[in-house]
N, C-alpha and C. Protein backbone atom coordinates (compact mmCIF):
# COMPACT_ATOMS: atom_id res chain seq x y z
N MET A 1 12.02 -0.26 -16.04
CA MET A 1 10.95 0.69 -15.81
C MET A 1 9.62 -0.07 -15.88
N PRO A 2 8.84 -0.07 -14.79
CA PRO A 2 7.56 -0.79 -14.81
C PRO A 2 6.55 -0.13 -15.74
N ARG A 3 5.60 -0.94 -16.20
CA ARG A 3 4.52 -0.46 -17.05
C ARG A 3 3.19 -0.70 -16.35
N ALA A 4 2.21 0.15 -16.67
CA ALA A 4 0.86 -0.03 -16.15
C ALA A 4 -0.12 0.27 -17.28
N ILE A 5 -1.25 -0.44 -17.29
CA ILE A 5 -2.23 -0.25 -18.36
C ILE A 5 -3.45 0.49 -17.82
N VAL A 6 -3.87 1.48 -18.59
CA VAL A 6 -5.10 2.21 -18.32
C VAL A 6 -6.13 1.60 -19.26
N LEU A 7 -7.21 1.06 -18.70
CA LEU A 7 -8.16 0.29 -19.50
C LEU A 7 -9.26 1.13 -20.13
N HIS A 8 -9.50 2.33 -19.62
CA HIS A 8 -10.55 3.21 -20.16
C HIS A 8 -10.12 4.66 -19.93
N ALA A 9 -10.48 5.52 -20.84
CA ALA A 9 -10.05 6.93 -20.76
C ALA A 9 -10.52 7.64 -19.48
N THR A 10 -11.59 7.17 -18.84
CA THR A 10 -12.09 7.82 -17.62
C THR A 10 -11.50 7.24 -16.34
N ASP A 11 -10.67 6.20 -16.44
CA ASP A 11 -10.11 5.55 -15.25
C ASP A 11 -9.22 6.49 -14.45
N ASN A 12 -9.26 6.35 -13.12
CA ASN A 12 -8.33 7.10 -12.27
C ASN A 12 -7.29 6.18 -11.64
N VAL A 13 -7.26 4.92 -12.09
CA VAL A 13 -6.22 3.97 -11.70
C VAL A 13 -5.71 3.24 -12.93
N ALA A 14 -4.49 2.72 -12.82
CA ALA A 14 -3.90 1.87 -13.84
C ALA A 14 -3.41 0.60 -13.15
N THR A 15 -3.38 -0.50 -13.89
CA THR A 15 -2.96 -1.79 -13.35
C THR A 15 -1.53 -2.09 -13.78
N LEU A 16 -0.67 -2.40 -12.80
CA LEU A 16 0.73 -2.67 -13.12
C LEU A 16 0.90 -3.98 -13.88
N LEU A 17 1.66 -3.90 -14.97
CA LEU A 17 2.01 -5.07 -15.78
C LEU A 17 3.34 -5.66 -15.35
N ASP A 18 4.07 -4.91 -14.55
CA ASP A 18 5.35 -5.32 -13.99
C ASP A 18 5.36 -4.85 -12.54
N PRO A 19 6.01 -5.55 -11.63
CA PRO A 19 6.13 -5.02 -10.27
C PRO A 19 6.96 -3.74 -10.28
N GLY A 20 6.62 -2.81 -9.40
CA GLY A 20 7.36 -1.55 -9.32
C GLY A 20 7.81 -1.26 -7.91
N GLN A 21 8.88 -0.50 -7.81
CA GLN A 21 9.45 -0.12 -6.52
C GLN A 21 9.20 1.37 -6.27
N GLU A 22 9.14 1.74 -5.00
CA GLU A 22 9.00 3.14 -4.63
C GLU A 22 10.04 3.97 -5.39
N GLY A 23 9.59 5.06 -6.00
CA GLY A 23 10.48 5.96 -6.74
C GLY A 23 10.61 5.64 -8.22
N ASP A 24 10.16 4.44 -8.64
CA ASP A 24 10.22 4.09 -10.07
C ASP A 24 9.29 4.98 -10.88
N ALA A 25 9.72 5.34 -12.08
CA ALA A 25 8.85 5.98 -13.06
C ALA A 25 8.08 4.85 -13.74
N CYS A 26 6.76 4.90 -13.69
CA CYS A 26 5.91 3.85 -14.24
C CYS A 26 5.24 4.40 -15.50
N VAL A 27 5.48 3.75 -16.62
CA VAL A 27 4.96 4.20 -17.91
C VAL A 27 3.53 3.72 -18.09
N LEU A 28 2.63 4.65 -18.45
CA LEU A 28 1.22 4.32 -18.69
C LEU A 28 1.03 3.93 -20.14
N GLN A 29 0.26 2.86 -20.36
CA GLN A 29 -0.05 2.36 -21.70
C GLN A 29 -1.54 2.17 -21.84
N GLY A 30 -1.99 1.83 -23.02
CA GLY A 30 -3.41 1.60 -23.27
C GLY A 30 -4.11 2.92 -23.50
N GLU A 31 -5.12 3.21 -22.71
CA GLU A 31 -5.91 4.43 -22.85
C GLU A 31 -5.28 5.62 -22.12
N GLY A 32 -4.09 5.44 -21.59
CA GLY A 32 -3.38 6.52 -20.91
C GLY A 32 -1.98 6.66 -21.47
N THR A 33 -1.42 7.84 -21.30
CA THR A 33 -0.06 8.08 -21.75
C THR A 33 0.70 8.81 -20.64
N GLY A 34 1.99 8.85 -20.78
CA GLY A 34 2.82 9.52 -19.79
C GLY A 34 3.33 8.54 -18.77
N GLN A 35 3.64 9.08 -17.60
CA GLN A 35 4.15 8.22 -16.54
C GLN A 35 3.81 8.81 -15.19
N VAL A 36 3.85 7.97 -14.17
CA VAL A 36 3.68 8.39 -12.78
C VAL A 36 4.85 7.84 -11.99
N THR A 37 5.24 8.53 -10.94
CA THR A 37 6.29 8.05 -10.05
C THR A 37 5.62 7.30 -8.90
N LEU A 38 6.00 6.05 -8.70
CA LEU A 38 5.39 5.23 -7.65
C LEU A 38 5.80 5.74 -6.27
N MET A 39 4.81 5.89 -5.40
CA MET A 39 5.06 6.37 -4.04
C MET A 39 5.37 5.24 -3.07
N GLN A 40 5.02 4.02 -3.44
CA GLN A 40 5.31 2.82 -2.65
C GLN A 40 5.66 1.70 -3.62
N ASP A 41 6.15 0.59 -3.09
CA ASP A 41 6.28 -0.61 -3.90
C ASP A 41 4.87 -1.04 -4.30
N VAL A 42 4.70 -1.44 -5.56
CA VAL A 42 3.39 -1.89 -6.06
C VAL A 42 3.60 -3.22 -6.77
N PRO A 43 2.94 -4.28 -6.29
CA PRO A 43 3.11 -5.60 -6.92
C PRO A 43 2.45 -5.66 -8.30
N PHE A 44 2.92 -6.60 -9.11
CA PHE A 44 2.28 -6.92 -10.38
C PHE A 44 0.79 -7.13 -10.17
N GLY A 45 -0.03 -6.56 -11.05
CA GLY A 45 -1.47 -6.77 -11.01
C GLY A 45 -2.22 -5.84 -10.08
N HIS A 46 -1.49 -5.09 -9.25
CA HIS A 46 -2.16 -4.14 -8.36
C HIS A 46 -2.31 -2.80 -9.08
N LYS A 47 -3.09 -1.91 -8.49
CA LYS A 47 -3.40 -0.63 -9.11
C LYS A 47 -2.58 0.50 -8.51
N VAL A 48 -2.40 1.53 -9.35
CA VAL A 48 -1.76 2.77 -8.92
C VAL A 48 -2.69 3.91 -9.32
N CYS A 49 -2.79 4.91 -8.46
CA CYS A 49 -3.62 6.08 -8.74
C CYS A 49 -2.93 6.94 -9.80
N ILE A 50 -3.69 7.38 -10.82
CA ILE A 50 -3.11 8.19 -11.89
C ILE A 50 -3.72 9.59 -11.97
N VAL A 51 -4.74 9.86 -11.15
CA VAL A 51 -5.40 11.16 -11.10
C VAL A 51 -5.68 11.45 -9.62
N PRO A 52 -5.40 12.65 -9.11
CA PRO A 52 -5.75 12.93 -7.71
C PRO A 52 -7.23 12.59 -7.48
N THR A 53 -7.49 11.85 -6.40
CA THR A 53 -8.83 11.34 -6.13
C THR A 53 -9.21 11.69 -4.69
N ALA A 54 -10.30 12.40 -4.53
CA ALA A 54 -10.73 12.87 -3.21
C ALA A 54 -11.28 11.72 -2.37
N ALA A 55 -11.22 11.89 -1.05
CA ALA A 55 -11.84 10.94 -0.13
C ALA A 55 -13.32 10.84 -0.47
N GLY A 56 -13.83 9.62 -0.53
CA GLY A 56 -15.24 9.39 -0.84
C GLY A 56 -15.55 9.34 -2.32
N ALA A 57 -14.56 9.65 -3.17
CA ALA A 57 -14.78 9.64 -4.62
C ALA A 57 -14.75 8.21 -5.16
N ASN A 58 -15.38 8.03 -6.30
CA ASN A 58 -15.37 6.74 -6.97
C ASN A 58 -13.98 6.42 -7.52
N VAL A 59 -13.60 5.15 -7.42
CA VAL A 59 -12.39 4.65 -8.06
C VAL A 59 -12.85 3.93 -9.31
N LEU A 60 -12.31 4.34 -10.47
CA LEU A 60 -12.76 3.84 -11.76
C LEU A 60 -11.71 2.98 -12.44
N LYS A 61 -12.13 1.80 -12.89
CA LYS A 61 -11.31 0.90 -13.70
C LYS A 61 -12.25 0.30 -14.73
N TYR A 62 -11.82 0.12 -15.94
CA TYR A 62 -12.66 -0.32 -17.07
C TYR A 62 -13.75 0.71 -17.38
N GLY A 63 -13.62 1.94 -16.89
CA GLY A 63 -14.67 2.94 -17.04
C GLY A 63 -15.84 2.69 -16.10
N GLU A 64 -15.66 1.79 -15.14
CA GLU A 64 -16.71 1.40 -14.18
C GLU A 64 -16.24 1.68 -12.76
N VAL A 65 -17.19 1.93 -11.88
CA VAL A 65 -16.87 2.12 -10.47
C VAL A 65 -16.52 0.77 -9.87
N ILE A 66 -15.33 0.69 -9.27
CA ILE A 66 -14.92 -0.56 -8.60
C ILE A 66 -14.80 -0.37 -7.09
N GLY A 67 -14.88 0.90 -6.64
CA GLY A 67 -14.76 1.15 -5.22
C GLY A 67 -14.87 2.63 -4.90
N THR A 68 -14.69 2.92 -3.61
CA THR A 68 -14.74 4.28 -3.10
C THR A 68 -13.47 4.52 -2.27
N ALA A 69 -12.82 5.64 -2.52
CA ALA A 69 -11.60 5.97 -1.78
C ALA A 69 -11.93 6.26 -0.32
N HIS A 70 -11.23 5.60 0.62
CA HIS A 70 -11.46 5.88 2.05
C HIS A 70 -10.92 7.25 2.40
N ARG A 71 -9.88 7.67 1.69
CA ARG A 71 -9.21 8.94 1.95
C ARG A 71 -8.70 9.46 0.61
N ALA A 72 -8.21 10.67 0.60
CA ALA A 72 -7.67 11.23 -0.64
C ALA A 72 -6.51 10.36 -1.13
N LEU A 73 -6.49 10.10 -2.43
CA LEU A 73 -5.43 9.30 -3.05
C LEU A 73 -4.59 10.20 -3.94
N ARG A 74 -3.28 10.05 -3.82
CA ARG A 74 -2.35 10.87 -4.60
C ARG A 74 -1.85 10.11 -5.82
N VAL A 75 -1.50 10.85 -6.85
CA VAL A 75 -0.94 10.24 -8.06
C VAL A 75 0.32 9.47 -7.68
N GLY A 76 0.39 8.22 -8.14
CA GLY A 76 1.53 7.36 -7.84
C GLY A 76 1.34 6.48 -6.63
N GLU A 77 0.21 6.62 -5.94
CA GLU A 77 -0.04 5.85 -4.72
C GLU A 77 -0.61 4.48 -5.05
N HIS A 78 -0.10 3.46 -4.36
CA HIS A 78 -0.63 2.10 -4.46
C HIS A 78 -2.10 2.16 -4.05
N THR A 79 -2.97 1.67 -4.91
CA THR A 79 -4.42 1.77 -4.68
C THR A 79 -4.97 0.36 -4.56
N HIS A 80 -5.36 -0.01 -3.33
CA HIS A 80 -5.76 -1.39 -3.06
C HIS A 80 -6.71 -1.39 -1.85
N VAL A 81 -6.92 -2.54 -1.24
CA VAL A 81 -7.90 -2.69 -0.16
C VAL A 81 -7.58 -1.85 1.07
N HIS A 82 -6.35 -1.40 1.23
CA HIS A 82 -5.98 -0.59 2.40
C HIS A 82 -6.47 0.86 2.29
N ASN A 83 -6.85 1.29 1.07
CA ASN A 83 -7.33 2.67 0.93
C ASN A 83 -8.55 2.81 0.02
N VAL A 84 -9.15 1.68 -0.36
CA VAL A 84 -10.35 1.68 -1.19
C VAL A 84 -11.34 0.65 -0.64
N ASP A 85 -12.60 1.05 -0.54
CA ASP A 85 -13.68 0.11 -0.20
C ASP A 85 -14.26 -0.40 -1.50
N SER A 86 -14.22 -1.70 -1.70
CA SER A 86 -14.74 -2.30 -2.93
C SER A 86 -16.25 -2.15 -2.99
N THR A 87 -16.76 -1.95 -4.20
CA THR A 87 -18.21 -1.93 -4.41
C THR A 87 -18.62 -3.10 -5.30
N ARG A 88 -17.68 -4.00 -5.57
CA ARG A 88 -17.95 -5.15 -6.43
C ARG A 88 -17.77 -6.44 -5.62
N GLY A 89 -18.68 -7.37 -5.81
CA GLY A 89 -18.55 -8.67 -5.17
C GLY A 89 -18.61 -8.61 -3.65
N ARG A 90 -19.38 -7.66 -3.11
CA ARG A 90 -19.47 -7.48 -1.66
C ARG A 90 -20.63 -8.31 -1.10
N GLY A 91 -20.41 -9.61 -0.95
CA GLY A 91 -21.43 -10.48 -0.38
C GLY A 91 -21.80 -10.10 1.04
N ASP A 92 -20.88 -9.43 1.76
CA ASP A 92 -21.17 -9.04 3.12
C ASP A 92 -22.20 -7.91 3.20
N LEU A 93 -22.50 -7.28 2.06
CA LEU A 93 -23.48 -6.19 2.05
C LEU A 93 -24.84 -6.63 1.57
N ASN A 94 -24.98 -7.91 1.16
CA ASN A 94 -26.26 -8.40 0.67
C ASN A 94 -27.27 -8.47 1.81
N ALA A 95 -28.50 -8.05 1.50
CA ALA A 95 -29.59 -8.16 2.49
C ALA A 95 -29.93 -9.63 2.65
N ARG A 96 -30.20 -10.04 3.86
CA ARG A 96 -30.55 -11.43 4.12
C ARG A 96 -31.98 -11.52 4.57
């Protein structure tokens, strides 16, 4: 059974501590409890959505905004660059 860590009580994503497969029950640890069922395979170190998140809403990790959801994210969904626009380290957005 894969594990994922919730780093802050306000986070809407958790980071996988073990790789997970679609359909696995993933146990939440840290600032979160319970479990989510993975909707896709999720590699070690990637994020999974733990709270329904609307399109355009902030994605929170460490209690900080790390991105914006391109579309609505469902609980258990792999949350990564394919469905989140990063707001951190975006050198392409710097004014020149």
